[in-house]
């Protein structure tokens, strides 16, 4: 029997505790808790990445996974558009667009520092993504071992990164397997914790902005906005997932598409800014168009899957996101066409 507290399973208790922490963290000034905690997390992640890459260079493990896997498990969707809505933070992330405006902008000394922070952060994300790929493809002794982990679509996940990375650390720098697994588990938990309290803070900002836009003074209060942010998360966790609080995992299949939609919106804003400054826009307009096409494609495929499974919660959410995507697309075209006309008019003067 699982451990319970006040009638709740242990994972549900931890969900409540973590959201209580996130609520307190979101109310405190950035410099008081979020910044120093993230600084410590950053150092821990750098140490983990340095050890992982050192082990990779020393052990030079073979990548046992095939470059193109033809022995696909049943239920595996097509690479297109799946590949382009699952790479998330390793390549482009809409959540990072929110973070940059909501928290990063409050922690830099001067505007010129944004270039260093942005590019260095992107390099760190890319290095982590590459390390995760190597751990999940080269951290196995044989192809059979790799296939045993990925026996069906959705298997592997964080466990493959932890176990595969621990195998490489053990072979490369001689760190005990249990200690290696603990280190990599902590790395994963650090990302989850940082994302959680930052996400709650950003959601509080959004509720407060709603209050300003729609003239609702009660939403401008930090405590009220925080309670609404945390309350909506808990409602989703327990309302959709039951007493176990597994609602987040239920809607997880839609994370990639919503993340890429936010990335497209971020690129649209950047493209408009570049147009107004008379700068070239092809290197943001191209990815923007690609993301919107792939997001719509993925949402339509997922909608069919959810309908076949009879999952009405995800069907409703998928339709809402699809409508939002279409609105973002038309809004992008309208704004860009207007700005482009203004830019051409100025060029003719």
C-alpha atoms as a PDB file:
ATOM      1  CA  UNK A   1       0.000   0.000   0.000  1.00  0.00           C
ATOM      2  CA  UNK A   2       1.335   3.492  -0.838  1.00  0.00           C
ATOM      3  CA  UNK A   3       2.136   5.881   1.976  1.00  0.00           C
ATOM      4  CA  UNK A   4      -0.603   8.425   2.679  1.00  0.00           C
ATOM      5  CA  UNK A   5      -0.912  11.652   4.658  1.00  0.00           C
ATOM      6  CA  UNK A   6      -4.334  13.029   5.519  1.00  0.00           C
ATOM      7  CA  UNK A   7      -5.756  10.581   3.030  1.00  0.00           C
ATOM      8  CA  UNK A   8      -3.522  11.804   0.200  1.00  0.00           C
ATOM      9  CA  UNK A   9      -0.831   9.681  -1.510  1.00  0.00           C
ATOM     10  CA  UNK A  10       2.758  10.829  -1.032  1.00  0.00           C
ATOM     11  CA  UNK A  11       3.132  12.280  -4.559  1.00  0.00           C
ATOM     12  CA  UNK A  12      -0.025  14.392  -4.056  1.00  0.00           C
ATOM     13  CA  UNK A  13       1.396  15.732  -0.779  1.00  0.00           C
ATOM     14  CA  UNK A  14       4.621  16.682  -2.525  1.00  0.00           C
ATOM     15  CA  UNK A  15       2.669  18.442  -5.282  1.00  0.00           C
ATOM     16  CA  UNK A  16       0.909  20.595  -2.675  1.00  0.00           C
ATOM     17  CA  UNK A  17       4.179  21.318  -0.829  1.00  0.00           C
ATOM     18  CA  UNK A  18       5.972  22.320  -4.032  1.00  0.00           C
ATOM     19  CA  UNK A  19       3.152  24.612  -5.134  1.00  0.00           C
ATOM     20  CA  UNK A  20       3.121  26.208  -1.681  1.00  0.00           C
ATOM     21  CA  UNK A  21       6.841  26.875  -2.087  1.00  0.00           C
ATOM     22  CA  UNK A  22       6.303  28.212  -5.620  1.00  0.00           C
ATOM     23  CA  UNK A  23       3.591  30.572  -4.325  1.00  0.00           C
ATOM     24  CA  UNK A  24       5.906  31.980  -1.655  1.00  0.00           C
ATOM     25  CA  UNK A  25       8.801  32.229  -4.114  1.00  0.00           C
ATOM     26  CA  UNK A  26       6.678  34.091  -6.663  1.00  0.00           C
ATOM     27  CA  UNK A  27       5.669  36.706  -4.077  1.00  0.00           C
ATOM     28  CA  UNK A  28       9.218  37.431  -2.914  1.00  0.00           C
ATOM     29  CA  UNK A  29      11.466  39.816  -4.874  1.00  0.00           C
ATOM     30  CA  UNK A  30      13.539  38.119  -7.587  1.00  0.00           C
ATOM     31  CA  UNK A  31      16.837  38.888  -5.826  1.00  0.00           C
ATOM     32  CA  UNK A  32      15.711  37.359  -2.495  1.00  0.00           C
ATOM     33  CA  UNK A  33      15.102  33.720  -3.495  1.00  0.00           C
ATOM     34  CA  UNK A  34      14.813  33.044  -7.214  1.00  0.00           C
ATOM     35  CA  UNK A  35      18.122  34.613  -8.226  1.00  0.00           C
ATOM     36  CA  UNK A  36      20.391  33.065  -5.551  1.00  0.00           C
ATOM     37  CA  UNK A  37      18.687  29.667  -5.855  1.00  0.00           C
ATOM     38  CA  UNK A  38      19.058  29.689  -9.634  1.00  0.00           C
ATOM     39  CA  UNK A  39      22.692  30.757  -9.230  1.00  0.00           C
ATOM     40  CA  UNK A  40      23.377  27.699  -7.057  1.00  0.00           C
ATOM     41  CA  UNK A  41      21.413  25.519  -9.486  1.00  0.00           C
ATOM     42  CA  UNK A  42      23.467  26.903 -12.364  1.00  0.00           C
ATOM     43  CA  UNK A  43      26.732  25.951 -10.667  1.00  0.00           C
ATOM     44  CA  UNK A  44      25.431  22.443  -9.981  1.00  0.00           C
ATOM     45  CA  UNK A  45      24.347  22.051 -13.604  1.00  0.00           C
ATOM     46  CA  UNK A  46      27.704  23.281 -14.899  1.00  0.00           C
ATOM     47  CA  UNK A  47      29.519  20.755 -12.697  1.00  0.00           C
ATOM     48  CA  UNK A  48      27.229  17.994 -13.939  1.00  0.00           C
ATOM     49  CA  UNK A  49      27.715  18.944 -17.596  1.00  0.00           C
ATOM     50  CA  UNK A  50      31.498  19.221 -17.230  1.00  0.00           C
ATOM     51  CA  UNK A  51      31.673  15.766 -15.644  1.00  0.00           C
ATOM     52  CA  UNK A  52      29.342  14.279 -18.265  1.00  0.00           C
ATOM     53  CA  UNK A  53      31.292  15.697 -21.210  1.00  0.00           C
ATOM     54  CA  UNK A  54      34.626  14.731 -19.616  1.00  0.00           C
ATOM     55  CA  UNK A  55      33.318  11.175 -19.255  1.00  0.00           C
ATOM     56  CA  UNK A  56      32.140  11.161 -22.875  1.00  0.00           C
ATOM     57  CA  UNK A  57      35.554  12.276 -24.179  1.00  0.00           C
ATOM     58  CA  UNK A  58      37.405   9.791 -21.967  1.00  0.00           C
ATOM     59  CA  UNK A  59      35.146   6.764 -22.427  1.00  0.00           C
ATOM     60  CA  UNK A  60      34.242   7.566 -26.079  1.00  0.00           C
ATOM     61  CA  UNK A  61      31.130   5.359 -25.894  1.00  0.00           C
ATOM     62  CA  UNK A  62      29.643   3.945 -29.068  1.00  0.00           C
ATOM     63  CA  UNK A  63      26.223   5.179 -30.139  1.00  0.00           C
ATOM     64  CA  UNK A  64      24.289   1.923 -30.271  1.00  0.00           C
ATOM     65  CA  UNK A  65      21.000   3.510 -31.360  1.00  0.00           C
ATOM     66  CA  UNK A  66      20.481   3.521 -35.146  1.00  0.00           C
ATOM     67  CA  UNK A  67      20.696   6.843 -36.983  1.00  0.00           C
ATOM     68  CA  UNK A  68      17.231   6.158 -38.378  1.00  0.00           C
ATOM     69  CA  UNK A  69      15.194   3.643 -36.411  1.00  0.00           C
ATOM     70  CA  UNK A  70      13.174   1.424 -38.714  1.00  0.00           C
ATOM     71  CA  UNK A  71      12.013  -0.982 -35.998  1.00  0.00           C
ATOM     72  CA  UNK A  72       9.363   1.412 -34.741  1.00  0.00           C
ATOM     73  CA  UNK A  73       7.193   0.420 -31.799  1.00  0.00           C
ATOM     74  CA  UNK A  74       3.441   0.255 -32.391  1.00  0.00           C
ATOM     75  CA  UNK A  75       1.786   3.658 -32.075  1.00  0.00           C
ATOM     76  CA  UNK A  76       4.865   5.699 -32.965  1.00  0.00           C
ATOM     77  CA  UNK A  77       3.762   8.832 -34.861  1.00  0.00           C
ATOM     78  CA  UNK A  78       5.499  10.163 -37.947  1.00  0.00           C
ATOM     79  CA  UNK A  79       8.824  11.984 -37.523  1.00  0.00           C
ATOM     80  CA  UNK A  80       7.208  14.994 -39.197  1.00  0.00           C
ATOM     81  CA  UNK A  81       5.878  16.921 -37.356  1.00  0.00           C
ATOM     82  CA  UNK A  82       6.674  15.039 -34.107  1.00  0.00           C
ATOM     83  CA  UNK A  83      10.381  15.877 -34.229  1.00  0.00           C
ATOM     84  CA  UNK A  84       9.699  19.590 -34.471  1.00  0.00           C
ATOM     85  CA  UNK A  85       7.344  19.812 -31.501  1.00  0.00           C
ATOM     86  CA  UNK A  86       9.380  17.714 -29.080  1.00  0.00           C
ATOM     87  CA  UNK A  87      12.864  19.259 -29.359  1.00  0.00           C
ATOM     88  CA  UNK A  88      11.551  22.164 -27.255  1.00  0.00           C
ATOM     89  CA  UNK A  89      14.246  23.926 -25.209  1.00  0.00           C
ATOM     90  CA  UNK A  90      17.143  22.292 -27.031  1.00  0.00           C
ATOM     91  CA  UNK A  91      16.436  24.372 -30.122  1.00  0.00           C
ATOM     92  CA  UNK A  92      13.700  26.957 -29.624  1.00  0.00           C
ATOM     93  CA  UNK A  93      11.334  27.465 -26.725  1.00  0.00           C
ATOM     94  CA  UNK A  94       8.389  29.779 -26.283  1.00  0.00           C
ATOM     95  CA  UNK A  95       8.619  29.406 -22.509  1.00  0.00           C
ATOM     96  CA  UNK A  96      12.055  31.005 -22.679  1.00  0.00           C
ATOM     97  CA  UNK A  97      10.466  33.989 -24.397  1.00  0.00           C
ATOM     98  CA  UNK A  98       8.238  34.442 -21.346  1.00  0.00           C
ATOM     99  CA  UNK A  99      11.151  33.926 -18.954  1.00  0.00           C
ATOM    100  CA  UNK A 100      13.317  36.472 -20.775  1.00  0.00           C
ATOM    101  CA  UNK A 101      10.682  39.177 -20.442  1.00  0.00           C
ATOM    102  CA  UNK A 102       9.386  38.194 -17.011  1.00  0.00           C
ATOM    103  CA  UNK A 103      12.469  37.357 -14.941  1.00  0.00           C
ATOM    104  CA  UNK A 104      15.705  37.609 -16.953  1.00  0.00           C
ATOM    105  CA  UNK A 105      15.082  41.267 -17.753  1.00  0.00           C
ATOM    106  CA  UNK A 106      14.889  41.994 -14.011  1.00  0.00           C
ATOM    107  CA  UNK A 107      18.277  40.430 -13.242  1.00  0.00           C
ATOM    108  CA  UNK A 108      20.664  42.069 -15.706  1.00  0.00           C
ATOM    109  CA  UNK A 109      22.735  45.161 -14.863  1.00  0.00           C
ATOM    110  CA  UNK A 110      22.400  46.809 -18.279  1.00  0.00           C
ATOM    111  CA  UNK A 111      20.758  46.093 -21.602  1.00  0.00           C
ATOM    112  CA  UNK A 112      24.047  45.213 -23.303  1.00  0.00           C
ATOM    113  CA  UNK A 113      24.353  42.175 -21.000  1.00  0.00           C
ATOM    114  CA  UNK A 114      21.373  40.561 -22.725  1.00  0.00           C
ATOM    115  CA  UNK A 115      23.514  39.418 -25.647  1.00  0.00           C
ATOM    116  CA  UNK A 116      25.958  37.537 -23.421  1.00  0.00           C
ATOM    117  CA  UNK A 117      23.211  36.065 -21.233  1.00  0.00           C
ATOM    118  CA  UNK A 118      21.085  35.070 -24.229  1.00  0.00           C
ATOM    119  CA  UNK A 119      23.811  33.496 -26.347  1.00  0.00           C
ATOM    120  CA  UNK A 120      25.551  31.828 -23.408  1.00  0.00           C
ATOM    121  CA  UNK A 121      22.224  30.480 -22.154  1.00  0.00           C
ATOM    122  CA  UNK A 122      21.438  29.117 -25.625  1.00  0.00           C
ATOM    123  CA  UNK A 123      24.835  27.419 -25.752  1.00  0.00           C
ATOM    124  CA  UNK A 124      24.178  25.869 -22.343  1.00  0.00           C
ATOM    125  CA  UNK A 125      20.788  24.589 -23.474  1.00  0.00           C
ATOM    126  CA  UNK A 126      22.351  23.153 -26.634  1.00  0.00           C
ATOM    127  CA  UNK A 127      25.120  21.433 -24.673  1.00  0.00           C
ATOM    128  CA  UNK A 128      22.587  19.911 -22.314  1.00  0.00           C
ATOM    129  CA  UNK A 129      20.450  18.753 -25.242  1.00  0.00           C
ATOM    130  CA  UNK A 130      23.473  17.128 -26.909  1.00  0.00           C
ATOM    131  CA  UNK A 131      24.519  15.522 -23.618  1.00  0.00           C
ATOM    132  CA  UNK A 132      21.014  14.128 -23.134  1.00  0.00           C
ATOM    133  CA  UNK A 133      21.004  12.708 -26.669  1.00  0.00           C
ATOM    134  CA  UNK A 134      24.378  11.032 -26.106  1.00  0.00           C
ATOM    135  CA  UNK A 135      23.259   9.625 -22.748  1.00  0.00           C
ATOM    136  CA  UNK A 136      20.083   8.223 -24.304  1.00  0.00           C
ATOM    137  CA  UNK A 137      21.819   6.714 -27.354  1.00  0.00           C
ATOM    138  CA  UNK A 138      25.358   5.833 -26.222  1.00  0.00           C
ATOM    139  CA  UNK A 139      24.701   4.914 -22.591  1.00  0.00           C
ATOM    140  CA  UNK A 140      23.774   1.336 -23.519  1.00  0.00           C
ATOM    141  CA  UNK A 141      26.023  -1.676 -24.079  1.00  0.00           C
ATOM    142  CA  UNK A 142      24.165  -3.051 -27.096  1.00  0.00           C
ATOM    143  CA  UNK A 143      21.400  -2.194 -29.528  1.00  0.00           C
ATOM    144  CA  UNK A 144      19.257  -4.817 -27.798  1.00  0.00           C
ATOM    145  CA  UNK A 145      19.632  -2.998 -24.469  1.00  0.00           C
ATOM    146  CA  UNK A 146      18.577   0.248 -26.123  1.00  0.00           C
ATOM    147  CA  UNK A 147      15.561  -1.383 -27.784  1.00  0.00           C
ATOM    148  CA  UNK A 148      14.541  -2.953 -24.469  1.00  0.00           C
ATOM    149  CA  UNK A 149      14.208   0.529 -22.953  1.00  0.00           C
ATOM    150  CA  UNK A 150      12.397   2.014 -25.947  1.00  0.00           C
ATOM    151  CA  UNK A 151      10.047  -0.941 -26.396  1.00  0.00           C
ATOM    152  CA  UNK A 152       7.073   1.313 -27.068  1.00  0.00           C
ATOM    153  CA  UNK A 153       6.523   4.947 -27.967  1.00  0.00           C
ATOM    154  CA  UNK A 154       6.820   7.106 -24.862  1.00  0.00           C
ATOM    155  CA  UNK A 155       9.148   4.728 -23.001  1.00  0.00           C
ATOM    156  CA  UNK A 156      12.649   5.787 -22.010  1.00  0.00           C
ATOM    157  CA  UNK A 157      12.082   9.378 -20.967  1.00  0.00           C
ATOM    158  CA  UNK A 158      14.049  10.778 -18.022  1.00  0.00           C
ATOM    159  CA  UNK A 159      15.055   7.284 -16.885  1.00  0.00           C
ATOM    160  CA  UNK A 160      17.042   6.712 -20.073  1.00  0.00           C
ATOM    161  CA  UNK A 161      18.968   9.961 -19.522  1.00  0.00           C
ATOM    162  CA  UNK A 162      19.726   9.097 -15.881  1.00  0.00           C
ATOM    163  CA  UNK A 163      20.706   5.461 -16.436  1.00  0.00           C
ATOM    164  CA  UNK A 164      22.525   6.072 -19.714  1.00  0.00           C
ATOM    165  CA  UNK A 165      24.374   9.103 -18.359  1.00  0.00           C
ATOM    166  CA  UNK A 166      25.326   7.215 -15.192  1.00  0.00           C
ATOM    167  CA  UNK A 167      26.796   4.410 -17.285  1.00  0.00           C
ATOM    168  CA  UNK A 168      28.957   6.908 -19.179  1.00  0.00           C
ATOM    169  CA  UNK A 169      30.064   8.679 -15.974  1.00  0.00           C
ATOM    170  CA  UNK A 170      30.985   5.363 -14.405  1.00  0.00           C
ATOM    171  CA  UNK A 171      32.993   4.236 -17.442  1.00  0.00           C
ATOM    172  CA  UNK A 172      34.608   7.605 -18.130  1.00  0.00           C
ATOM    173  CA  UNK A 173      35.509   9.146 -14.776  1.00  0.00           C
ATOM    174  CA  UNK A 174      34.894   6.198 -12.457  1.00  0.00           C
ATOM    175  CA  UNK A 175      32.024   7.668 -10.438  1.00  0.00           C
ATOM    176  CA  UNK A 176      29.939   5.002  -8.710  1.00  0.00           C
ATOM    177  CA  UNK A 177      26.723   4.129 -10.567  1.00  0.00           C
ATOM    178  CA  UNK A 178      24.432   5.009  -7.662  1.00  0.00           C
ATOM    179  CA  UNK A 179      26.185   8.350  -7.109  1.00  0.00           C
ATOM    180  CA  UNK A 180      26.096   9.070 -10.859  1.00  0.00           C
ATOM    181  CA  UNK A 181      22.372   8.322 -11.018  1.00  0.00           C
ATOM    182  CA  UNK A 182      21.791  10.573  -8.000  1.00  0.00           C
ATOM    183  CA  UNK A 183      23.735  13.445  -9.599  1.00  0.00           C
ATOM    184  CA  UNK A 184      21.795  13.226 -12.847  1.00  0.00           C
ATOM    185  CA  UNK A 185      18.491  12.909 -10.991  1.00  0.00           C
ATOM    186  CA  UNK A 186      19.350  16.096  -9.087  1.00  0.00           C
ATOM    187  CA  UNK A 187      20.148  17.817 -12.399  1.00  0.00           C
ATOM    188  CA  UNK A 188      16.715  16.882 -13.743  1.00  0.00           C
ATOM    189  CA  UNK A 189      15.015  17.962 -10.499  1.00  0.00           C
ATOM    190  CA  UNK A 190      16.812  21.326 -10.622  1.00  0.00           C
ATOM    191  CA  UNK A 191      15.338  22.046 -14.033  1.00  0.00           C
ATOM    192  CA  UNK A 192      11.875  21.015 -12.864  1.00  0.00           C
ATOM    193  CA  UNK A 193      12.067  23.168  -9.731  1.00  0.00           C
ATOM    194  CA  UNK A 194      13.375  26.208 -11.584  1.00  0.00           C
ATOM    195  CA  UNK A 195      10.689  25.860 -14.235  1.00  0.00           C
ATOM    196  CA  UNK A 196       7.975  25.494 -11.618  1.00  0.00           C
ATOM    197  CA  UNK A 197       8.619  28.578  -9.499  1.00  0.00           C
ATOM    198  CA  UNK A 198       9.447  30.688 -12.559  1.00  0.00           C
ATOM    199  CA  UNK A 199       6.255  29.503 -14.255  1.00  0.00           C
ATOM    200  CA  UNK A 200       4.111  30.412 -11.247  1.00  0.00           C
ATOM    201  CA  UNK A 201       5.726  33.865 -11.100  1.00  0.00           C
ATOM    202  CA  UNK A 202       5.051  34.402 -14.798  1.00  0.00           C
ATOM    203  CA  UNK A 203       1.462  33.251 -14.396  1.00  0.00           C
ATOM    204  CA  UNK A 204       1.063  35.766 -11.583  1.00  0.00           C
ATOM    205  CA  UNK A 205       2.317  38.479 -13.924  1.00  0.00           C
ATOM    206  CA  UNK A 206      -0.222  37.407 -16.541  1.00  0.00           C
ATOM    207  CA  UNK A 207      -3.139  37.606 -14.091  1.00  0.00           C
ATOM    208  CA  UNK A 208      -1.949  41.053 -12.970  1.00  0.00           C
ATOM    209  CA  UNK A 209      -1.687  42.202 -16.581  1.00  0.00           C
ATOM    210  CA  UNK A 210      -5.252  40.980 -17.147  1.00  0.00           C
ATOM    211  CA  UNK A 211      -6.253  43.169 -14.225  1.00  0.00           C
ATOM    212  CA  UNK A 212      -4.593  46.207 -15.798  1.00  0.00           C
ATOM    213  CA  UNK A 213      -5.955  45.591 -19.295  1.00  0.00           C
ATOM    214  CA  UNK A 214      -9.536  44.803 -18.267  1.00  0.00           C
ATOM    215  CA  UNK A 215      -9.695  47.257 -15.343  1.00  0.00           C
ATOM    216  CA  UNK A 216     -10.011  44.643 -12.580  1.00  0.00           C
ATOM    217  CA  UNK A 217      -8.087  46.126  -9.633  1.00  0.00           C
ATOM    218  CA  UNK A 218      -8.454  42.969  -7.526  1.00  0.00           C
ATOM    219  CA  UNK A 219      -6.219  41.083  -9.974  1.00  0.00           C
ATOM    220  CA  UNK A 220      -3.466  43.670  -9.536  1.00  0.00           C
ATOM    221  CA  UNK A 221      -2.890  42.438  -5.988  1.00  0.00           C
ATOM    222  CA  UNK A 222       0.088  40.071  -5.891  1.00  0.00           C
ATOM    223  CA  UNK A 223      -1.464  37.705  -3.347  1.00  0.00           C
ATOM    224  CA  UNK A 224      -4.721  37.369  -5.299  1.00  0.00           C
ATOM    225  CA  UNK A 225      -2.901  36.831  -8.591  1.00  0.00           C
ATOM    226  CA  UNK A 226      -0.624  34.228  -6.983  1.00  0.00           C
ATOM    227  CA  UNK A 227      -3.554  32.343  -5.456  1.00  0.00           C
ATOM    228  CA  UNK A 228      -5.270  32.280  -8.846  1.00  0.00           C
ATOM    229  CA  UNK A 229      -2.073  31.042 -10.516  1.00  0.00           C
ATOM    230  CA  UNK A 230      -1.473  28.269  -7.992  1.00  0.00           C
ATOM    231  CA  UNK A 231      -5.191  27.448  -7.737  1.00  0.00           C
ATOM    232  CA  UNK A 232      -5.526  26.947 -11.488  1.00  0.00           C
ATOM    233  CA  UNK A 233      -2.489  24.641 -11.472  1.00  0.00           C
ATOM    234  CA  UNK A 234      -3.833  22.576  -8.574  1.00  0.00           C
ATOM    235  CA  UNK A 235      -7.258  22.430 -10.211  1.00  0.00           C
ATOM    236  CA  UNK A 236      -5.664  21.024 -13.333  1.00  0.00           C
ATOM    237  CA  UNK A 237      -3.462  18.600 -11.371  1.00  0.00           C
ATOM    238  CA  UNK A 238      -6.210  17.168  -9.173  1.00  0.00           C
ATOM    239  CA  UNK A 239      -9.269  17.980 -11.267  1.00  0.00           C
ATOM    240  CA  UNK A 240      -7.948  16.192 -14.340  1.00  0.00           C
ATOM    241  CA  UNK A 241      -5.688  13.690 -12.596  1.00  0.00           C
ATOM    242  CA  UNK A 242      -7.728  12.708  -9.538  1.00  0.00           C
ATOM    243  CA  UNK A 243      -6.362  12.284  -6.029  1.00  0.00           C
ATOM    244  CA  UNK A 244      -2.916  11.381  -7.370  1.00  0.00           C
ATOM    245  CA  UNK A 245      -2.532  14.863  -8.879  1.00  0.00           C
ATOM    246  CA  UNK A 246      -1.480  13.434 -12.243  1.00  0.00           C
ATOM    247  CA  UNK A 247      -3.301  16.041 -14.331  1.00  0.00           C
ATOM    248  CA  UNK A 248      -0.038  17.510 -15.578  1.00  0.00           C
ATOM    249  CA  UNK A 249       0.980  14.203 -17.110  1.00  0.00           C
ATOM    250  CA  UNK A 250      -2.404  13.858 -18.792  1.00  0.00           C
ATOM    251  CA  UNK A 251      -2.014  17.122 -20.715  1.00  0.00           C
ATOM    252  CA  UNK A 252       1.723  16.615 -21.300  1.00  0.00           C
ATOM    253  CA  UNK A 253       1.207  15.480 -24.948  1.00  0.00           C
ATOM    254  CA  UNK A 254       0.160  19.061 -25.751  1.00  0.00           C
ATOM    255  CA  UNK A 255       3.185  20.707 -24.145  1.00  0.00           C
ATOM    256  CA  UNK A 256       5.367  20.601 -27.245  1.00  0.00           C
ATOM    257  CA  UNK A 257       2.832  22.249 -29.527  1.00  0.00           C
ATOM    258  CA  UNK A 258       1.948  24.988 -27.030  1.00  0.00           C
ATOM    259  CA  UNK A 259       5.629  25.645 -26.395  1.00  0.00           C
ATOM    260  CA  UNK A 260       6.313  26.010 -30.120  1.00  0.00           C
ATOM    261  CA  UNK A 261       3.270  28.244 -30.508  1.00  0.00           C
ATOM    262  CA  UNK A 262       4.728  30.573 -27.872  1.00  0.00           C
ATOM    263  CA  UNK A 263       8.043  30.439 -29.712  1.00  0.00           C
ATOM    264  CA  UNK A 264       6.293  31.537 -32.907  1.00  0.00           C
ATOM    265  CA  UNK A 265       4.653  34.417 -31.031  1.00  0.00           C
ATOM    266  CA  UNK A 266       8.046  35.448 -29.647  1.00  0.00           C
ATOM    267  CA  UNK A 267       9.562  35.381 -33.132  1.00  0.00           C
ATOM    268  CA  UNK A 268       6.659  37.447 -34.438  1.00  0.00           C
ATOM    269  CA  UNK A 269       7.339  40.147 -31.848  1.00  0.00           C
ATOM    270  CA  UNK A 270      11.055  40.119 -32.666  1.00  0.00           C
ATOM    271  CA  UNK A 271      10.278  40.311 -36.393  1.00  0.00           C
ATOM    272  CA  UNK A 272       8.077  43.371 -35.868  1.00  0.00           C
ATOM    273  CA  UNK A 273      10.819  45.049 -33.814  1.00  0.00           C
ATOM    274  CA  UNK A 274      13.381  44.346 -36.549  1.00  0.00           C
ATOM    275  CA  UNK A 275      11.041  45.725 -39.219  1.00  0.00           C
ATOM    276  CA  UNK A 276      10.549  48.918 -37.252  1.00  0.00           C
ATOM    277  CA  UNK A 277      14.303  49.307 -36.937  1.00  0.00           C
ATOM    278  CA  UNK A 278      14.792  48.699 -40.653  1.00  0.00           C
ATOM    279  CA  UNK A 279      16.806  45.506 -40.057  1.00  0.00           C
ATOM    280  CA  UNK A 280      16.674  42.255 -42.110  1.00  0.00           C
ATOM    281  CA  UNK A 281      13.900  39.914 -40.944  1.00  0.00           C
ATOM    282  CA  UNK A 282      14.421  36.765 -43.001  1.00  0.00           C
ATOM    283  CA  UNK A 283      16.240  34.920 -40.195  1.00  0.00           C
ATOM    284  CA  UNK A 284      13.252  35.332 -37.852  1.00  0.00           C
ATOM    285  CA  UNK A 285      10.441  35.281 -40.426  1.00  0.00           C
ATOM    286  CA  UNK A 286      11.596  31.919 -41.810  1.00  0.00           C
ATOM    287  CA  UNK A 287      11.547  30.062 -38.457  1.00  0.00           C
ATOM    288  CA  UNK A 288       8.287  31.828 -37.558  1.00  0.00           C
ATOM    289  CA  UNK A 289       6.565  30.469 -40.677  1.00  0.00           C
ATOM    290  CA  UNK A 290       8.038  26.997 -40.177  1.00  0.00           C
ATOM    291  CA  UNK A 291       6.929  26.832 -36.541  1.00  0.00           C
ATOM    292  CA  UNK A 292       3.373  27.880 -37.317  1.00  0.00           C
ATOM    293  CA  UNK A 293       3.057  25.265 -40.078  1.00  0.00           C
ATOM    294  CA  UNK A 294       4.451  22.475 -37.887  1.00  0.00           C
ATOM    295  CA  UNK A 295       2.352  23.508 -34.885  1.00  0.00           C
ATOM    296  CA  UNK A 296      -0.903  23.428 -36.855  1.00  0.00           C
ATOM    297  CA  UNK A 297       0.110  20.129 -38.469  1.00  0.00           C
ATOM    298  CA  UNK A 298       0.891  18.569 -35.074  1.00  0.00           C
ATOM    299  CA  UNK A 299      -2.323  19.831 -33.490  1.00  0.00           C
ATOM    300  CA  UNK A 300      -4.422  18.317 -36.284  1.00  0.00           C
ATOM    301  CA  UNK A 301      -2.673  14.948 -35.969  1.00  0.00           C
ATOM    302  CA  UNK A 302      -3.031  14.991 -32.180  1.00  0.00           C
ATOM    303  CA  UNK A 303      -6.700  15.950 -32.484  1.00  0.00           C
ATOM    304  CA  UNK A 304      -7.343  12.832 -34.548  1.00  0.00           C
ATOM    305  CA  UNK A 305      -5.462  10.682 -32.009  1.00  0.00           C
ATOM    306  CA  UNK A 306      -7.358  12.145 -29.055  1.00  0.00           C
ATOM    307  CA  UNK A 307     -10.669  11.652 -30.863  1.00  0.00           C
ATOM    308  CA  UNK A 308      -9.874   7.991 -31.576  1.00  0.00           C
ATOM    309  CA  UNK A 309      -8.952   7.514 -27.904  1.00  0.00           C
ATOM    310  CA  UNK A 310     -12.095   9.311 -26.726  1.00  0.00           C
ATOM    311  CA  UNK A 311     -10.035  11.714 -24.580  1.00  0.00           C
ATOM    312  CA  UNK A 312     -12.404  14.687 -24.442  1.00  0.00           C
ATOM    313  CA  UNK A 313     -10.243  16.772 -22.112  1.00  0.00           C
ATOM    314  CA  UNK A 314      -7.378  16.766 -24.590  1.00  0.00           C
ATOM    315  CA  UNK A 315      -9.788  17.220 -27.516  1.00  0.00           C
ATOM    316  CA  UNK A 316     -11.162  20.416 -25.961  1.00  0.00           C
ATOM    317  CA  UNK A 317      -7.699  21.712 -25.084  1.00  0.00           C
ATOM    318  CA  UNK A 318      -6.386  20.823 -28.546  1.00  0.00           C
ATOM    319  CA  UNK A 319      -9.230  22.737 -30.222  1.00  0.00           C
ATOM    320  CA  UNK A 320      -8.623  25.769 -27.989  1.00  0.00           C
ATOM    321  CA  UNK A 321      -4.898  25.731 -28.796  1.00  0.00           C
ATOM    322  CA  UNK A 322      -5.656  25.232 -32.500  1.00  0.00           C
ATOM    323  CA  UNK A 323      -7.942  28.277 -32.490  1.00  0.00           C
ATOM    324  CA  UNK A 324      -5.266  30.265 -30.646  1.00  0.00           C
ATOM    325  CA  UNK A 325      -2.696  29.177 -33.237  1.00  0.00           C
ATOM    326  CA  UNK A 326      -4.906  30.307 -36.109  1.00  0.00           C
ATOM    327  CA  UNK A 327      -5.518  33.642 -34.372  1.00  0.00           C
ATOM    328  CA  UNK A 328      -1.772  34.087 -33.804  1.00  0.00           C
ATOM    329  CA  UNK A 329      -1.153  33.299 -37.466  1.00  0.00           C
ATOM    330  CA  UNK A 330      -3.653  35.868 -38.731  1.00  0.00           C
ATOM    331  CA  UNK A 331      -2.463  38.414 -36.174  1.00  0.00           C
ATOM    332  CA  UNK A 332       1.125  37.825 -37.296  1.00  0.00           C
ATOM    333  CA  UNK A 333       0.226  38.300 -40.955  1.00  0.00           C
ATOM    334  CA  UNK A 334      -1.780  41.435 -40.214  1.00  0.00           C
ATOM    335  CA  UNK A 335       0.895  43.076 -38.075  1.00  0.00           C
ATOM    336  CA  UNK A 336       3.735  42.117 -40.392  1.00  0.00           C
ATOM    337  CA  UNK A 337       1.892  43.366 -43.471  1.00  0.00           C
ATOM    338  CA  UNK A 338       1.162  46.674 -41.724  1.00  0.00           C
ATOM    339  CA  UNK A 339       4.756  47.087 -40.558  1.00  0.00           C
ATOM    340  CA  UNK A 340       6.086  46.052 -43.953  1.00  0.00           C
ATOM    341  CA  UNK A 341       3.919  48.704 -45.643  1.00  0.00           C
ATOM    342  CA  UNK A 342       5.164  51.362 -43.220  1.00  0.00           C
ATOM    343  CA  UNK A 343       8.769  50.252 -43.789  1.00  0.00           C
ATOM    344  CA  UNK A 344       8.397  50.389 -47.602  1.00  0.00           C
ATOM    345  CA  UNK A 345       6.745  53.801 -47.340  1.00  0.00           C
ATOM    346  CA  UNK A 346       9.688  55.144 -45.359  1.00  0.00           C
ATOM    347  CA  UNK A 347      12.111  53.631 -47.879  1.00  0.00           C
ATOM    348  CA  UNK A 348      10.399  55.483 -50.739  1.00  0.00           C
ATOM    349  CA  UNK A 349      10.649  58.859 -49.019  1.00  0.00           C
END
